[in-house]
Amino acid sequence: MKDDGPILMFDGLRGYGRCVAGEAMSAAIARCRQTGIVAVTLANAHHIGRVGAYGEMTSGAGSSRCTS
């Protein structure tokens, strides 16, 4: 929906929440590596599961600049 430097907005198109949220977080981690900070939103997605999994994705990315 929007890609403006450190701001990413995604439309999940009513997709399976875990898949679209994972894709959004992967994009957010990549953008964080470029800009040093990122804000990401996800709209129109079904249940995304355990929210803590997305924080773990950032910690597992291996950069302290990209952790929650």
PDB file of N, CA and C in Angstrom:
ATOM      1  N   MET A   1       0.814  -1.187   0.000  1.00  0.00           N
ATOM      2  CA  MET A   1       0.000   0.000   0.000  1.00  0.00           C
ATOM      3  C   MET A   1       0.862   1.257   0.000  1.00  0.00           C
ATOM      4  N   LYS A   2       1.929   1.242   0.825  1.00  0.00           N
ATOM      5  CA  LYS A   2       2.801   2.416   0.893  1.00  0.00           C
ATOM      6  C   LYS A   2       4.229   1.960   1.141  1.00  0.00           C
ATOM      7  N   ASP A   3       5.146   2.573   0.433  1.00  0.00           N
ATOM      8  CA  ASP A   3       6.572   2.301   0.607  1.00  0.00           C
ATOM      9  C   ASP A   3       7.267   3.650   0.562  1.00  0.00           C
ATOM     10  N   ASP A   4       7.567   4.184   1.738  1.00  0.00           N
ATOM     11  CA  ASP A   4       8.125   5.533   1.821  1.00  0.00           C
ATOM     12  C   ASP A   4       9.277   5.533   2.825  1.00  0.00           C
ATOM     13  N   GLY A   5      10.466   5.162   2.350  1.00  0.00           N
ATOM     14  CA  GLY A   5      11.642   5.141   3.224  1.00  0.00           C
ATOM     15  C   GLY A   5      11.449   4.174   4.372  1.00  0.00           C
ATOM     16  N   PRO A   6      11.448   4.685   5.615  1.00  0.00           N
ATOM     17  CA  PRO A   6      11.330   3.791   6.761  1.00  0.00           C
ATOM     18  C   PRO A   6       9.890   3.376   7.089  1.00  0.00           C
ATOM     19  N   ILE A   7       8.925   3.800   6.271  1.00  0.00           N
ATOM     20  CA  ILE A   7       7.522   3.470   6.516  1.00  0.00           C
ATOM     21  C   ILE A   7       7.023   2.494   5.462  1.00  0.00           C
ATOM     22  N   LEU A   8       6.545   1.343   5.925  1.00  0.00           N
ATOM     23  CA  LEU A   8       5.987   0.329   5.030  1.00  0.00           C
ATOM     24  C   LEU A   8       4.569   0.010   5.487  1.00  0.00           C
ATOM     25  N   MET A   9       3.628   0.051   4.559  1.00  0.00           N
ATOM     26  CA  MET A   9       2.242  -0.311   4.851  1.00  0.00           C
ATOM     27  C   MET A   9       1.839  -1.409   3.885  1.00  0.00           C
ATOM     28  N   PHE A  10       1.352  -2.522   4.433  1.00  0.00           N
ATOM     29  CA  PHE A  10       0.976  -3.675   3.616  1.00  0.00           C
ATOM     30  C   PHE A  10      -0.517  -3.947   3.701  1.00  0.00           C
ATOM     31  N   ASP A  11      -1.076  -4.413   2.604  1.00  0.00           N
ATOM     32  CA  ASP A  11      -2.446  -4.898   2.559  1.00  0.00           C
ATOM     33  C   ASP A  11      -2.357  -6.408   2.375  1.00  0.00           C
ATOM     34  N   GLY A  12      -2.830  -7.164   3.344  1.00  0.00           N
ATOM     35  CA  GLY A  12      -2.760  -8.612   3.291  1.00  0.00           C
ATOM     36  C   GLY A  12      -3.746  -9.248   2.324  1.00  0.00           C
ATOM     37  N   LEU A  13      -4.626  -8.436   1.740  1.00  0.00           N
ATOM     38  CA  LEU A  13      -5.614  -8.935   0.772  1.00  0.00           C
ATOM     39  C   LEU A  13      -6.414 -10.118   1.321  1.00  0.00           C
ATOM     40  N   ARG A  14      -6.689 -10.063   2.629  1.00  0.00           N
ATOM     41  CA  ARG A  14      -7.443 -11.101   3.346  1.00  0.00           C
ATOM     42  C   ARG A  14      -6.786 -12.473   3.265  1.00  0.00           C
ATOM     43  N   GLY A  15      -5.478 -12.455   3.148  1.00  0.00           N
ATOM     44  CA  GLY A  15      -4.727 -13.699   3.074  1.00  0.00           C
ATOM     45  C   GLY A  15      -4.505 -14.324   4.440  1.00  0.00           C
ATOM     46  N   TYR A  16      -3.940 -15.515   4.427  1.00  0.00           N
ATOM     47  CA  TYR A  16      -3.611 -16.235   5.652  1.00  0.00           C
ATOM     48  C   TYR A  16      -2.634 -15.374   6.449  1.00  0.00           C
ATOM     49  N   GLY A  17      -3.034 -14.982   7.636  1.00  0.00           N
ATOM     50  CA  GLY A  17      -2.289 -14.017   8.427  1.00  0.00           C
ATOM     51  C   GLY A  17      -0.841 -14.352   8.666  1.00  0.00           C
ATOM     52  N   ARG A  18      -0.546 -15.607   9.000  1.00  0.00           N
ATOM     53  CA  ARG A  18       0.837 -15.978   9.303  1.00  0.00           C
ATOM     54  C   ARG A  18       1.734 -15.777   8.088  1.00  0.00           C
ATOM     55  N   CYS A  19       1.235 -16.091   6.916  1.00  0.00           N
ATOM     56  CA  CYS A  19       2.046 -15.935   5.695  1.00  0.00           C
ATOM     57  C   CYS A  19       2.276 -14.464   5.364  1.00  0.00           C
ATOM     58  N   VAL A  20       1.189 -13.675   5.325  1.00  0.00           N
ATOM     59  CA  VAL A  20       1.354 -12.277   4.928  1.00  0.00           C
ATOM     60  C   VAL A  20       2.101 -11.474   5.981  1.00  0.00           C
ATOM     61  N   ALA A  21       1.920 -11.809   7.258  1.00  0.00           N
ATOM     62  CA  ALA A  21       2.669 -11.113   8.307  1.00  0.00           C
ATOM     63  C   ALA A  21       4.149 -11.459   8.233  1.00  0.00           C
ATOM     64  N   GLY A  22       4.457 -12.702   7.928  1.00  0.00           N
ATOM     65  CA  GLY A  22       5.859 -13.100   7.771  1.00  0.00           C
ATOM     66  C   GLY A  22       6.526 -12.374   6.616  1.00  0.00           C
ATOM     67  N   GLU A  23       5.792 -12.223   5.522  1.00  0.00           N
ATOM     68  CA  GLU A  23       6.332 -11.484   4.372  1.00  0.00           C
ATOM     69  C   GLU A  23       6.547 -10.018   4.719  1.00  0.00           C
ATOM     70  N   ALA A  24       5.590  -9.437   5.450  1.00  0.00           N
ATOM     71  CA  ALA A  24       5.721  -8.035   5.853  1.00  0.00           C
ATOM     72  C   ALA A  24       6.922  -7.844   6.778  1.00  0.00           C
ATOM     73  N   MET A  25       7.121  -8.772   7.712  1.00  0.00           N
ATOM     74  CA  MET A  25       8.257  -8.659   8.624  1.00  0.00           C
ATOM     75  C   MET A  25       9.583  -8.855   7.902  1.00  0.00           C
ATOM     76  N   SER A  26       9.625  -9.747   6.953  1.00  0.00           N
ATOM     77  CA  SER A  26      10.861  -9.935   6.179  1.00  0.00           C
ATOM     78  C   SER A  26      11.218  -8.654   5.438  1.00  0.00           C
ATOM     79  N   ALA A  27      10.208  -8.014   4.852  1.00  0.00           N
ATOM     80  CA  ALA A  27      10.443  -6.739   4.162  1.00  0.00           C
ATOM     81  C   ALA A  27      10.873  -5.659   5.150  1.00  0.00           C
ATOM     82  N   ALA A  28      10.272  -5.660   6.337  1.00  0.00           N
ATOM     83  CA  ALA A  28      10.623  -4.666   7.357  1.00  0.00           C
ATOM     84  C   ALA A  28      12.061  -4.841   7.824  1.00  0.00           C
ATOM     85  N   ILE A  29      12.489  -6.077   8.009  1.00  0.00           N
ATOM     86  CA  ILE A  29      13.867  -6.336   8.433  1.00  0.00           C
ATOM     87  C   ILE A  29      14.848  -5.870   7.363  1.00  0.00           C
ATOM     88  N   ALA A  30      14.537  -6.164   6.119  1.00  0.00           N
ATOM     89  CA  ALA A  30      15.403  -5.721   5.024  1.00  0.00           C
ATOM     90  C   ALA A  30      15.481  -4.197   4.971  1.00  0.00           C
ATOM     91  N   ARG A  31      14.347  -3.531   5.172  1.00  0.00           N
ATOM     92  CA  ARG A  31      14.334  -2.069   5.135  1.00  0.00           C
ATOM     93  C   ARG A  31      15.075  -1.483   6.319  1.00  0.00           C
ATOM     94  N   CYS A  32      14.967  -2.119   7.476  1.00  0.00           N
ATOM     95  CA  CYS A  32      15.674  -1.657   8.659  1.00  0.00           C
ATOM     96  C   CYS A  32      17.179  -1.699   8.432  1.00  0.00           C
ATOM     97  N   ARG A  33      17.631  -2.710   7.743  1.00  0.00           N
ATOM     98  CA  ARG A  33      19.065  -2.789   7.433  1.00  0.00           C
ATOM     99  C   ARG A  33      19.501  -1.638   6.541  1.00  0.00           C
ATOM    100  N   GLN A  34      18.609  -1.142   5.715  1.00  0.00           N
ATOM    101  CA  GLN A  34      18.944  -0.029   4.809  1.00  0.00           C
ATOM    102  C   GLN A  34      18.864   1.324   5.504  1.00  0.00           C
ATOM    103  N   THR A  35      17.809   1.532   6.312  1.00  0.00           N
ATOM    104  CA  THR A  35      17.546   2.855   6.865  1.00  0.00           C
ATOM    105  C   THR A  35      17.896   3.005   8.342  1.00  0.00           C
ATOM    106  N   GLY A  36      18.053   1.879   9.048  1.00  0.00           N
ATOM    107  CA  GLY A  36      18.344   1.926  10.478  1.00  0.00           C
ATOM    108  C   GLY A  36      17.114   1.960  11.351  1.00  0.00           C
ATOM    109  N   ILE A  37      15.943   2.176  10.760  1.00  0.00           N
ATOM    110  CA  ILE A  37      14.675   2.204  11.500  1.00  0.00           C
ATOM    111  C   ILE A  37      13.555   1.887  10.520  1.00  0.00           C
ATOM    112  N   VAL A  38      12.473   1.323  11.043  1.00  0.00           N
ATOM    113  CA  VAL A  38      11.329   1.018  10.184  1.00  0.00           C
ATOM    114  C   VAL A  38      10.055   1.000  11.011  1.00  0.00           C
ATOM    115  N   ALA A  39       8.963   1.428  10.396  1.00  0.00           N
ATOM    116  CA  ALA A  39       7.623   1.283  10.962  1.00  0.00           C
ATOM    117  C   ALA A  39       6.815   0.521   9.926  1.00  0.00           C
ATOM    118  N   VAL A  40       6.163  -0.554  10.364  1.00  0.00           N
ATOM    119  CA  VAL A  40       5.431  -1.405   9.422  1.00  0.00           C
ATOM    120  C   VAL A  40       4.018  -1.641   9.929  1.00  0.00           C
ATOM    121  N   THR A  41       3.053  -1.611   9.007  1.00  0.00           N
ATOM    122  CA  THR A  41       1.670  -1.932   9.341  1.00  0.00           C
ATOM    123  C   THR A  41       1.176  -3.011   8.389  1.00  0.00           C
ATOM    124  N   LEU A  42       0.181  -3.746   8.844  1.00  0.00           N
ATOM    125  CA  LEU A  42      -0.442  -4.786   8.026  1.00  0.00           C
ATOM    126  C   LEU A  42      -1.942  -4.704   8.223  1.00  0.00           C
ATOM    127  N   ALA A  43      -2.661  -4.518   7.136  1.00  0.00           N
ATOM    128  CA  ALA A  43      -4.126  -4.451   7.185  1.00  0.00           C
ATOM    129  C   ALA A  43      -4.710  -5.612   6.389  1.00  0.00           C
ATOM    130  N   ASN A  44      -5.951  -5.919   6.646  1.00  0.00           N
ATOM    131  CA  ASN A  44      -6.708  -6.916   5.884  1.00  0.00           C
ATOM    132  C   ASN A  44      -6.047  -8.286   5.846  1.00  0.00           C
ATOM    133  N   ALA A  45      -5.641  -8.762   6.999  1.00  0.00           N
ATOM    134  CA  ALA A  45      -5.057 -10.103   7.103  1.00  0.00           C
ATOM    135  C   ALA A  45      -5.855 -10.893   8.133  1.00  0.00           C
ATOM    136  N   HIS A  46      -5.952 -12.177   7.940  1.00  0.00           N
ATOM    137  CA  HIS A  46      -6.581 -13.024   8.945  1.00  0.00           C
ATOM    138  C   HIS A  46      -5.620 -13.157  10.122  1.00  0.00           C
ATOM    139  N   HIS A  47      -6.005 -13.900  11.137  1.00  0.00           N
ATOM    140  CA  HIS A  47      -5.246 -13.998  12.385  1.00  0.00           C
ATOM    141  C   HIS A  47      -3.765 -14.285  12.122  1.00  0.00           C
ATOM    142  N   ILE A  48      -2.893 -13.482  12.730  1.00  0.00           N
ATOM    143  CA  ILE A  48      -1.451 -13.612  12.465  1.00  0.00           C
ATOM    144  C   ILE A  48      -0.746 -14.554  13.430  1.00  0.00           C
ATOM    145  N   GLY A  49      -1.483 -15.136  14.362  1.00  0.00           N
ATOM    146  CA  GLY A  49      -0.865 -16.071  15.295  1.00  0.00           C
ATOM    147  C   GLY A  49      -0.217 -15.365  16.473  1.00  0.00           C
ATOM    148  N   ARG A  50       0.773 -15.988  17.059  1.00  0.00           N
ATOM    149  CA  ARG A  50       1.458 -15.456  18.242  1.00  0.00           C
ATOM    150  C   ARG A  50       2.301 -14.249  17.854  1.00  0.00           C
ATOM    151  N   VAL A  51       1.980 -13.100  18.406  1.00  0.00           N
ATOM    152  CA  VAL A  51       2.654 -11.848  18.057  1.00  0.00           C
ATOM    153  C   VAL A  51       4.143 -11.896  18.385  1.00  0.00           C
ATOM    154  N   GLY A  52       4.523 -12.593  19.419  1.00  0.00           N
ATOM    155  CA  GLY A  52       5.929 -12.671  19.814  1.00  0.00           C
ATOM    156  C   GLY A  52       6.828 -13.250  18.739  1.00  0.00           C
ATOM    157  N   ALA A  53       6.258 -14.022  17.837  1.00  0.00           N
ATOM    158  CA  ALA A  53       7.059 -14.627  16.765  1.00  0.00           C
ATOM    159  C   ALA A  53       7.706 -13.564  15.882  1.00  0.00           C
ATOM    160  N   TYR A  54       7.055 -12.430  15.742  1.00  0.00           N
ATOM    161  CA  TYR A  54       7.587 -11.383  14.860  1.00  0.00           C
ATOM    162  C   TYR A  54       8.743 -10.639  15.520  1.00  0.00           C
ATOM    163  N   GLY A  55       8.677 -10.459  16.822  1.00  0.00           N
ATOM    164  CA  GLY A  55       9.821  -9.911  17.551  1.00  0.00           C
ATOM    165  C   GLY A  55      11.009 -10.852  17.491  1.00  0.00           C
ATOM    166  N   GLU A  56      10.718 -12.148  17.565  1.00  0.00           N
ATOM    167  CA  GLU A  56      11.791 -13.139  17.467  1.00  0.00           C
ATOM    168  C   GLU A  56      12.434 -13.121  16.082  1.00  0.00           C
ATOM    169  N   MET A  57      11.641 -12.827  15.064  1.00  0.00           N
ATOM    170  CA  MET A  57      12.213 -12.721  13.710  1.00  0.00           C
ATOM    171  C   MET A  57      13.242 -11.591  13.656  1.00  0.00           C
ATOM    172  N   THR A  58      12.918 -10.467  14.308  1.00  0.00           N
ATOM    173  CA  THR A  58      13.861  -9.342  14.283  1.00  0.00           C
ATOM    174  C   THR A  58      15.121  -9.666  15.065  1.00  0.00           C
ATOM    175  N   SER A  59      14.961 -10.342  16.235  1.00  0.00           N
ATOM    176  CA  SER A  59      16.163 -10.700  16.998  1.00  0.00           C
ATOM    177  C   SER A  59      17.010 -11.708  16.248  1.00  0.00           C
ATOM    178  N   GLY A  60      16.365 -12.614  15.538  1.00  0.00           N
ATOM    179  CA  GLY A  60      17.079 -13.620  14.774  1.00  0.00           C
ATOM    180  C   GLY A  60      17.737 -13.075  13.527  1.00  0.00           C
ATOM    181  N   ALA A  61      17.403 -11.835  13.172  1.00  0.00           N
ATOM    182  CA  ALA A  61      17.976 -11.219  11.968  1.00  0.00           C
ATOM    183  C   ALA A  61      19.461 -10.918  12.155  1.00  0.00           C
ATOM    184  N   GLY A  62      19.920 -10.917  13.414  1.00  0.00           N
ATOM    185  CA  GLY A  62      21.352 -10.778  13.663  1.00  0.00           C
ATOM    186  C   GLY A  62      21.879  -9.368  13.727  1.00  0.00           C
ATOM    187  N   SER A  63      21.033  -8.375  13.736  1.00  0.00           N
ATOM    188  CA  SER A  63      21.512  -7.003  13.831  1.00  0.00           C
ATOM    189  C   SER A  63      20.802  -6.301  14.967  1.00  0.00           C
ATOM    190  N   SER A  64      21.553  -5.716  15.864  1.00  0.00           N
ATOM    191  CA  SER A  64      20.941  -4.990  16.976  1.00  0.00           C
ATOM    192  C   SER A  64      20.186  -3.761  16.473  1.00  0.00           C
ATOM    193  N   ARG A  65      20.508  -3.306  15.268  1.00  0.00           N
ATOM    194  CA  ARG A  65      19.788  -2.163  14.697  1.00  0.00           C
ATOM    195  C   ARG A  65      18.378  -2.538  14.282  1.00  0.00           C
ATOM    196  N   CYS A  66      18.095  -3.838  14.169  1.00  0.00           N
ATOM    197  CA  CYS A  66      16.798  -4.277  13.660  1.00  0.00           C
ATOM    198  C   CYS A  66      16.037  -5.107  14.688  1.00  0.00           C
ATOM    199  N   THR A  67      16.224  -4.844  15.967  1.00  0.00           N
ATOM    200  CA  THR A  67      15.503  -5.602  16.975  1.00  0.00           C
ATOM    201  C   THR A  67      14.409  -4.753  17.567  1.00  0.00           C
ATOM    202  N   SER A  68      13.411  -5.433  18.093  1.00  0.00           N
ATOM    203  CA  SER A  68      12.265  -4.718  18.658  1.00  0.00           C
ATOM    204  C   SER A  68      12.567  -4.199  20.048  1.00  0.00           C
TER     205      SER A  68
END
